[in-house]
Amino acid sequence: MRFRTSALTAALAAAGALGMLATAAPAQADSIPDGLCGGVIDVDYCLWYNSNQAGGWTATYDNEPNWANHFFTNGGQGSNGVGMPVKNNAASYANSHDSKTGVSYFNQNYGGASDVAPPRDKGNLSNTYNDNASFRWR
């Protein structure tokens, strides 16, 4: 009888744990404040001159095969890097799109090493830190 009670208790505990997993929130919480990426929600990929979304910034909702003719502007997160070219000078990102993943590439025309930004995510570039040349949605 003791074995049945222990087995029943274990089975109920496992069922409860599975039930909590099924109703738990997604592991990736939304880390994009409403005004971070230019105040435009669900469309922009943003890059900053400094780490941790600081300094000059730029935003796009298009694929960018070459960042060469784009420059950081003052978006209210500091003036460091304002006027500098975006190509090979970005340190951090934010993806404010609800469903698309953004990818920063080391080379122009979407080649080489890359950093992947899931929807509604922000962070520091690692593989393309100060070596970013293009960007594409996927």
N, C-alpha and C. Protein backbone atom coordinates (compact mmCIF):
# COMPACT_ATOMS: atom_id res chain seq x y z
N MET A 1 0.83 -1.20 0.00
CA MET A 1 0.00 0.00 0.00
C MET A 1 0.86 1.25 0.00
N ARG A 2 1.95 1.19 0.75
CA ARG A 2 2.87 2.33 0.82
C ARG A 2 3.45 2.66 -0.55
N PHE A 3 3.74 1.63 -1.36
CA PHE A 3 4.30 1.84 -2.69
C PHE A 3 3.28 2.54 -3.60
N ARG A 4 2.01 2.14 -3.51
CA ARG A 4 0.97 2.75 -4.33
C ARG A 4 0.79 4.22 -3.97
N THR A 5 0.81 4.55 -2.71
CA THR A 5 0.66 5.93 -2.26
C THR A 5 1.83 6.78 -2.75
N SER A 6 3.04 6.27 -2.66
CA SER A 6 4.22 6.99 -3.13
C SER A 6 4.16 7.18 -4.64
N ALA A 7 3.76 6.13 -5.35
CA ALA A 7 3.67 6.22 -6.81
C ALA A 7 2.59 7.22 -7.22
N LEU A 8 1.46 7.20 -6.52
CA LEU A 8 0.38 8.14 -6.81
C LEU A 8 0.82 9.57 -6.53
N THR A 9 1.50 9.79 -5.43
CA THR A 9 2.01 11.12 -5.09
C THR A 9 2.99 11.61 -6.14
N ALA A 10 3.89 10.74 -6.57
CA ALA A 10 4.87 11.11 -7.60
C ALA A 10 4.17 11.43 -8.92
N ALA A 11 3.17 10.64 -9.29
CA ALA A 11 2.45 10.88 -10.54
C ALA A 11 1.71 12.21 -10.50
N LEU A 12 1.07 12.51 -9.37
CA LEU A 12 0.36 13.79 -9.24
C LEU A 12 1.34 14.97 -9.28
N ALA A 13 2.49 14.83 -8.64
CA ALA A 13 3.49 15.90 -8.67
C ALA A 13 4.00 16.12 -10.09
N ALA A 14 4.24 15.05 -10.83
CA ALA A 14 4.71 15.18 -12.21
C ALA A 14 3.64 15.84 -13.08
N ALA A 15 2.38 15.45 -12.90
CA ALA A 15 1.30 16.05 -13.69
C ALA A 15 1.18 17.53 -13.38
N GLY A 16 1.32 17.90 -12.11
CA GLY A 16 1.27 19.32 -11.74
C GLY A 16 2.40 20.10 -12.36
N ALA A 17 3.60 19.53 -12.37
CA ALA A 17 4.76 20.21 -12.98
C ALA A 17 4.55 20.39 -14.46
N LEU A 18 4.03 19.36 -15.13
CA LEU A 18 3.78 19.48 -16.58
C LEU A 18 2.71 20.53 -16.84
N GLY A 19 1.70 20.59 -16.00
CA GLY A 19 0.66 21.61 -16.16
C GLY A 19 1.21 23.01 -16.03
N MET A 20 2.13 23.21 -15.09
CA MET A 20 2.74 24.53 -14.91
C MET A 20 3.60 24.88 -16.12
N LEU A 21 4.30 23.91 -16.68
CA LEU A 21 5.13 24.18 -17.86
C LEU A 21 4.26 24.57 -19.04
N ALA A 22 3.12 23.93 -19.17
CA ALA A 22 2.24 24.22 -20.31
C ALA A 22 1.66 25.63 -20.23
N THR A 23 1.50 26.17 -19.03
CA THR A 23 0.90 27.49 -18.90
C THR A 23 1.92 28.57 -18.58
N ALA A 24 3.19 28.22 -18.47
CA ALA A 24 4.22 29.20 -18.12
C ALA A 24 4.43 30.19 -19.25
N ALA A 25 4.89 31.38 -18.92
CA ALA A 25 5.18 32.41 -19.91
C ALA A 25 6.38 31.97 -20.74
N PRO A 26 6.51 32.50 -21.97
CA PRO A 26 7.66 32.16 -22.80
C PRO A 26 8.96 32.53 -22.08
N ALA A 27 10.02 31.78 -22.40
CA ALA A 27 11.31 32.01 -21.74
C ALA A 27 11.87 33.38 -22.10
N GLN A 28 11.64 33.86 -23.31
CA GLN A 28 12.18 35.15 -23.76
C GLN A 28 11.16 36.25 -23.46
N ALA A 29 11.40 37.02 -22.45
CA ALA A 29 10.51 38.13 -22.13
C ALA A 29 10.80 39.30 -23.06
N ASP A 30 9.80 40.14 -23.28
CA ASP A 30 9.97 41.31 -24.13
C ASP A 30 10.90 42.29 -23.44
N SER A 31 12.04 42.58 -24.08
CA SER A 31 13.03 43.47 -23.47
C SER A 31 13.10 44.83 -24.16
N ILE A 32 12.15 45.13 -25.01
CA ILE A 32 12.16 46.38 -25.77
C ILE A 32 11.17 47.37 -25.16
N PRO A 33 11.65 48.40 -24.46
CA PRO A 33 10.73 49.45 -24.02
C PRO A 33 10.11 50.14 -25.23
N ASP A 34 8.89 50.64 -25.10
CA ASP A 34 8.17 51.20 -26.23
C ASP A 34 8.94 52.28 -26.98
N GLY A 35 9.70 53.13 -26.31
CA GLY A 35 10.39 54.21 -26.99
C GLY A 35 11.82 53.91 -27.39
N LEU A 36 12.33 52.69 -27.12
CA LEU A 36 13.75 52.41 -27.34
C LEU A 36 14.15 52.50 -28.81
N CYS A 37 13.41 51.88 -29.67
CA CYS A 37 13.79 51.81 -31.09
C CYS A 37 13.04 52.89 -31.86
N GLY A 38 13.23 54.13 -31.48
CA GLY A 38 12.62 55.25 -32.18
C GLY A 38 11.16 55.45 -31.88
N GLY A 39 10.62 54.73 -30.92
CA GLY A 39 9.21 54.86 -30.61
C GLY A 39 8.31 54.15 -31.61
N VAL A 40 8.91 53.49 -32.60
CA VAL A 40 8.14 52.77 -33.61
C VAL A 40 8.19 51.30 -33.25
N ILE A 41 7.05 50.74 -32.99
CA ILE A 41 6.98 49.36 -32.53
C ILE A 41 6.64 48.45 -33.72
N ASP A 42 7.23 47.27 -33.72
CA ASP A 42 6.92 46.19 -34.66
C ASP A 42 7.45 46.39 -36.07
N VAL A 43 8.38 47.30 -36.29
CA VAL A 43 8.89 47.45 -37.66
C VAL A 43 10.38 47.71 -37.75
N ASP A 44 11.02 48.15 -36.72
CA ASP A 44 12.39 48.62 -36.85
C ASP A 44 13.45 47.68 -36.30
N TYR A 45 14.61 47.74 -36.95
CA TYR A 45 15.84 47.16 -36.43
C TYR A 45 16.75 48.35 -36.18
N CYS A 46 17.27 48.46 -34.99
CA CYS A 46 18.09 49.62 -34.63
C CYS A 46 19.49 49.19 -34.24
N LEU A 47 20.44 50.04 -34.56
CA LEU A 47 21.84 49.85 -34.18
C LEU A 47 22.32 51.08 -33.43
N TRP A 48 23.19 50.89 -32.45
CA TRP A 48 23.78 51.98 -31.68
C TRP A 48 25.29 51.95 -31.79
N TYR A 49 25.87 53.10 -31.67
CA TYR A 49 27.32 53.26 -31.71
C TYR A 49 28.00 52.62 -30.51
N ASN A 50 27.36 52.70 -29.35
CA ASN A 50 27.93 52.14 -28.12
C ASN A 50 27.20 50.87 -27.70
N SER A 51 27.80 50.13 -26.80
CA SER A 51 27.15 48.96 -26.19
C SER A 51 25.96 49.41 -25.37
N ASN A 52 25.08 48.47 -25.11
CA ASN A 52 23.91 48.68 -24.25
C ASN A 52 22.98 49.79 -24.73
N GLN A 53 22.79 49.88 -26.05
CA GLN A 53 21.85 50.81 -26.68
C GLN A 53 22.11 52.25 -26.24
N ALA A 54 23.36 52.67 -26.40
CA ALA A 54 23.75 54.03 -26.03
C ALA A 54 24.48 54.70 -27.19
N GLY A 55 24.53 56.02 -27.14
CA GLY A 55 25.21 56.80 -28.17
C GLY A 55 24.33 57.01 -29.39
N GLY A 56 24.97 57.42 -30.50
CA GLY A 56 24.23 57.63 -31.74
C GLY A 56 23.56 56.34 -32.19
N TRP A 57 22.47 56.49 -32.95
CA TRP A 57 21.72 55.32 -33.39
C TRP A 57 21.19 55.49 -34.80
N THR A 58 20.77 54.39 -35.39
CA THR A 58 20.09 54.39 -36.68
C THR A 58 19.03 53.30 -36.65
N ALA A 59 18.03 53.44 -37.49
CA ALA A 59 16.96 52.45 -37.55
C ALA A 59 16.61 52.16 -39.01
N THR A 60 16.19 50.94 -39.27
CA THR A 60 15.72 50.57 -40.60
C THR A 60 14.57 49.59 -40.49
N TYR A 61 13.70 49.60 -41.47
CA TYR A 61 12.69 48.56 -41.59
C TYR A 61 12.87 47.81 -42.90
N ASP A 62 13.92 48.17 -43.65
CA ASP A 62 14.27 47.50 -44.90
C ASP A 62 15.52 46.67 -44.72
N ASN A 63 15.75 45.75 -45.64
CA ASN A 63 17.05 45.09 -45.71
C ASN A 63 18.07 46.13 -46.14
N GLU A 64 19.26 46.06 -45.59
CA GLU A 64 20.34 47.00 -45.92
C GLU A 64 21.55 46.20 -46.42
N PRO A 65 21.76 46.13 -47.74
CA PRO A 65 22.88 45.35 -48.26
C PRO A 65 24.25 45.97 -47.97
N ASN A 66 24.26 47.27 -47.64
CA ASN A 66 25.53 47.94 -47.35
C ASN A 66 25.24 49.19 -46.51
N TRP A 67 25.78 49.23 -45.30
CA TRP A 67 25.56 50.36 -44.40
C TRP A 67 26.45 51.56 -44.74
N ALA A 68 27.20 51.51 -45.82
CA ALA A 68 28.21 52.53 -46.13
C ALA A 68 27.68 53.96 -46.15
N ASN A 69 26.49 54.20 -46.64
CA ASN A 69 25.97 55.56 -46.76
C ASN A 69 24.97 55.92 -45.65
N HIS A 70 25.07 55.27 -44.53
CA HIS A 70 24.20 55.54 -43.39
C HIS A 70 25.06 56.05 -42.24
N PHE A 71 24.49 56.98 -41.45
CA PHE A 71 25.25 57.59 -40.36
C PHE A 71 24.41 57.59 -39.08
N PHE A 72 25.10 57.49 -37.94
CA PHE A 72 24.42 57.53 -36.65
C PHE A 72 23.91 58.94 -36.39
N THR A 73 22.69 59.03 -35.86
CA THR A 73 22.09 60.31 -35.49
C THR A 73 21.84 60.32 -33.98
N ASN A 74 21.44 61.47 -33.46
CA ASN A 74 21.17 61.58 -32.04
C ASN A 74 19.73 61.20 -31.77
N GLY A 75 19.54 60.07 -31.11
CA GLY A 75 18.19 59.61 -30.79
C GLY A 75 17.86 59.73 -29.33
N GLY A 76 18.64 60.51 -28.59
CA GLY A 76 18.35 60.71 -27.19
C GLY A 76 19.06 59.76 -26.25
N GLN A 77 19.92 58.88 -26.78
CA GLN A 77 20.65 57.96 -25.91
C GLN A 77 22.12 58.37 -25.79
N GLY A 78 22.40 59.63 -26.06
CA GLY A 78 23.77 60.14 -25.98
C GLY A 78 24.28 60.53 -27.35
N SER A 79 25.27 61.42 -27.38
CA SER A 79 25.75 61.93 -28.66
C SER A 79 27.04 61.26 -29.13
N ASN A 80 27.59 60.34 -28.36
CA ASN A 80 28.81 59.65 -28.77
C ASN A 80 28.56 58.89 -30.08
N GLY A 81 29.36 59.16 -31.09
CA GLY A 81 29.24 58.48 -32.37
C GLY A 81 28.31 59.15 -33.37
N VAL A 82 27.60 60.20 -32.97
CA VAL A 82 26.70 60.89 -33.90
C VAL A 82 27.53 61.43 -35.07
N GLY A 83 27.06 61.17 -36.28
CA GLY A 83 27.77 61.59 -37.49
C GLY A 83 28.73 60.54 -38.03
N MET A 84 29.03 59.52 -37.24
CA MET A 84 29.93 58.45 -37.70
C MET A 84 29.17 57.50 -38.62
N PRO A 85 29.86 56.87 -39.58
CA PRO A 85 29.18 55.89 -40.43
C PRO A 85 28.73 54.67 -39.62
N VAL A 86 27.61 54.11 -39.99
CA VAL A 86 27.09 52.92 -39.32
C VAL A 86 27.97 51.71 -39.66
N LYS A 87 28.43 51.63 -40.90
CA LYS A 87 29.24 50.49 -41.33
C LYS A 87 30.50 50.38 -40.48
N ASN A 88 30.68 49.21 -39.88
CA ASN A 88 31.85 48.88 -39.06
C ASN A 88 31.98 49.72 -37.79
N ASN A 89 30.87 50.26 -37.30
CA ASN A 89 30.91 51.06 -36.08
C ASN A 89 29.79 50.74 -35.09
N ALA A 90 28.97 49.76 -35.33
CA ALA A 90 27.85 49.46 -34.42
C ALA A 90 28.28 48.50 -33.31
N ALA A 91 27.75 48.74 -32.12
CA ALA A 91 28.09 47.91 -30.98
C ALA A 91 26.88 47.19 -30.37
N SER A 92 25.68 47.75 -30.54
CA SER A 92 24.50 47.11 -29.95
C SER A 92 23.30 47.25 -30.87
N TYR A 93 22.26 46.49 -30.57
CA TYR A 93 21.08 46.43 -31.44
C TYR A 93 19.80 46.33 -30.61
N ALA A 94 18.68 46.55 -31.29
CA ALA A 94 17.36 46.22 -30.78
C ALA A 94 16.49 45.87 -31.98
N ASN A 95 15.73 44.81 -31.86
CA ASN A 95 14.79 44.40 -32.89
C ASN A 95 13.39 44.58 -32.32
N SER A 96 12.67 45.59 -32.80
CA SER A 96 11.34 45.86 -32.27
C SER A 96 10.23 45.16 -33.05
N HIS A 97 10.59 44.34 -34.02
CA HIS A 97 9.58 43.63 -34.82
C HIS A 97 8.96 42.51 -33.99
N ASP A 98 7.66 42.30 -34.14
CA ASP A 98 6.96 41.28 -33.38
C ASP A 98 7.19 39.86 -33.89
N SER A 99 7.51 39.70 -35.17
CA SER A 99 7.61 38.34 -35.70
C SER A 99 8.85 38.05 -36.54
N LYS A 100 9.57 39.05 -36.98
CA LYS A 100 10.73 38.80 -37.83
C LYS A 100 12.03 38.82 -37.04
N THR A 101 12.95 37.98 -37.46
CA THR A 101 14.30 37.94 -36.89
C THR A 101 15.18 38.83 -37.74
N GLY A 102 16.02 39.64 -37.10
CA GLY A 102 16.96 40.49 -37.82
C GLY A 102 18.37 39.92 -37.73
N VAL A 103 19.13 40.04 -38.82
CA VAL A 103 20.49 39.50 -38.83
C VAL A 103 21.45 40.57 -39.32
N SER A 104 22.46 40.88 -38.49
CA SER A 104 23.56 41.78 -38.88
C SER A 104 24.69 40.92 -39.42
N TYR A 105 25.27 41.37 -40.54
CA TYR A 105 26.34 40.60 -41.20
C TYR A 105 27.66 41.36 -41.19
N PHE A 106 28.73 40.62 -41.15
CA PHE A 106 30.09 41.13 -41.18
C PHE A 106 30.41 41.77 -42.53
N ASN A 107 29.97 41.14 -43.63
CA ASN A 107 30.24 41.64 -44.98
C ASN A 107 29.01 42.29 -45.58
N GLN A 108 29.23 43.15 -46.56
CA GLN A 108 28.10 43.70 -47.30
C GLN A 108 27.44 42.58 -48.10
N ASN A 109 26.23 42.80 -48.52
CA ASN A 109 25.43 41.82 -49.26
C ASN A 109 25.22 40.53 -48.50
N TYR A 110 25.09 40.66 -47.16
CA TYR A 110 24.64 39.58 -46.29
C TYR A 110 25.59 38.37 -46.25
N GLY A 111 26.86 38.63 -46.08
CA GLY A 111 27.83 37.53 -46.03
C GLY A 111 28.67 37.56 -44.77
N GLY A 112 29.31 36.45 -44.53
CA GLY A 112 30.25 36.33 -43.42
C GLY A 112 29.58 36.08 -42.08
N ALA A 113 30.34 36.32 -41.03
CA ALA A 113 29.84 36.12 -39.66
C ALA A 113 28.59 36.97 -39.45
N SER A 114 27.76 36.56 -38.50
CA SER A 114 26.52 37.30 -38.28
C SER A 114 26.11 37.28 -36.80
N ASP A 115 25.24 38.21 -36.46
CA ASP A 115 24.57 38.26 -35.16
C ASP A 115 23.07 38.19 -35.42
N VAL A 116 22.40 37.30 -34.74
CA VAL A 116 20.97 37.08 -34.93
C VAL A 116 20.19 37.74 -33.80
N ALA A 117 19.19 38.53 -34.17
CA ALA A 117 18.35 39.23 -33.19
C ALA A 117 16.92 38.71 -33.30
N PRO A 118 16.49 37.90 -32.35
CA PRO A 118 15.11 37.41 -32.37
C PRO A 118 14.12 38.56 -32.25
N PRO A 119 12.85 38.33 -32.59
CA PRO A 119 11.84 39.39 -32.43
C PRO A 119 11.80 39.90 -30.99
N ARG A 120 11.64 41.23 -30.85
CA ARG A 120 11.49 41.89 -29.57
C ARG A 120 12.66 41.61 -28.63
N ASP A 121 13.87 41.73 -29.18
CA ASP A 121 15.08 41.45 -28.40
C ASP A 121 16.06 42.62 -28.55
N LYS A 122 16.95 42.76 -27.58
CA LYS A 122 18.01 43.74 -27.67
C LYS A 122 19.26 43.13 -27.05
N GLY A 123 20.42 43.69 -27.42
CA GLY A 123 21.66 43.19 -26.86
C GLY A 123 22.86 43.86 -27.50
N ASN A 124 24.02 43.34 -27.20
CA ASN A 124 25.25 43.82 -27.80
C ASN A 124 25.66 42.88 -28.92
N LEU A 125 26.17 43.44 -29.99
CA LEU A 125 26.68 42.60 -31.08
C LEU A 125 27.91 41.87 -30.58
N SER A 126 28.14 40.68 -31.06
CA SER A 126 29.35 39.96 -30.67
C SER A 126 30.17 39.57 -31.90
N ASN A 127 29.57 38.88 -32.85
CA ASN A 127 30.29 38.46 -34.05
C ASN A 127 30.53 39.59 -35.04
N THR A 128 29.72 40.65 -34.94
CA THR A 128 29.87 41.79 -35.86
C THR A 128 30.10 43.10 -35.11
N TYR A 129 30.57 43.01 -33.88
CA TYR A 129 30.84 44.20 -33.07
C TYR A 129 31.88 45.07 -33.78
N ASN A 130 31.48 46.29 -34.14
CA ASN A 130 32.32 47.23 -34.90
C ASN A 130 32.84 46.65 -36.21
N ASP A 131 32.17 45.64 -36.71
CA ASP A 131 32.48 45.03 -38.01
C ASP A 131 31.20 44.64 -38.73
N ASN A 132 30.21 45.51 -38.69
CA ASN A 132 28.92 45.24 -39.32
C ASN A 132 28.87 45.95 -40.67
N ALA A 133 28.43 45.23 -41.68
CA ALA A 133 28.38 45.82 -43.02
C ALA A 133 27.01 45.76 -43.68
N SER A 134 26.14 44.83 -43.25
CA SER A 134 24.82 44.73 -43.85
C SER A 134 23.82 44.13 -42.85
N PHE A 135 22.54 44.23 -43.21
CA PHE A 135 21.47 43.74 -42.35
C PHE A 135 20.36 43.18 -43.22
N ARG A 136 19.74 42.07 -42.73
CA ARG A 136 18.60 41.49 -43.47
C ARG A 136 17.62 40.85 -42.51
N TRP A 137 16.32 41.00 -42.83
CA TRP A 137 15.24 40.31 -42.11
C TRP A 137 15.17 38.88 -42.59
N ARG A 138 14.77 38.00 -41.69
CA ARG A 138 14.45 36.62 -42.11
C ARG A 138 13.32 36.08 -41.28
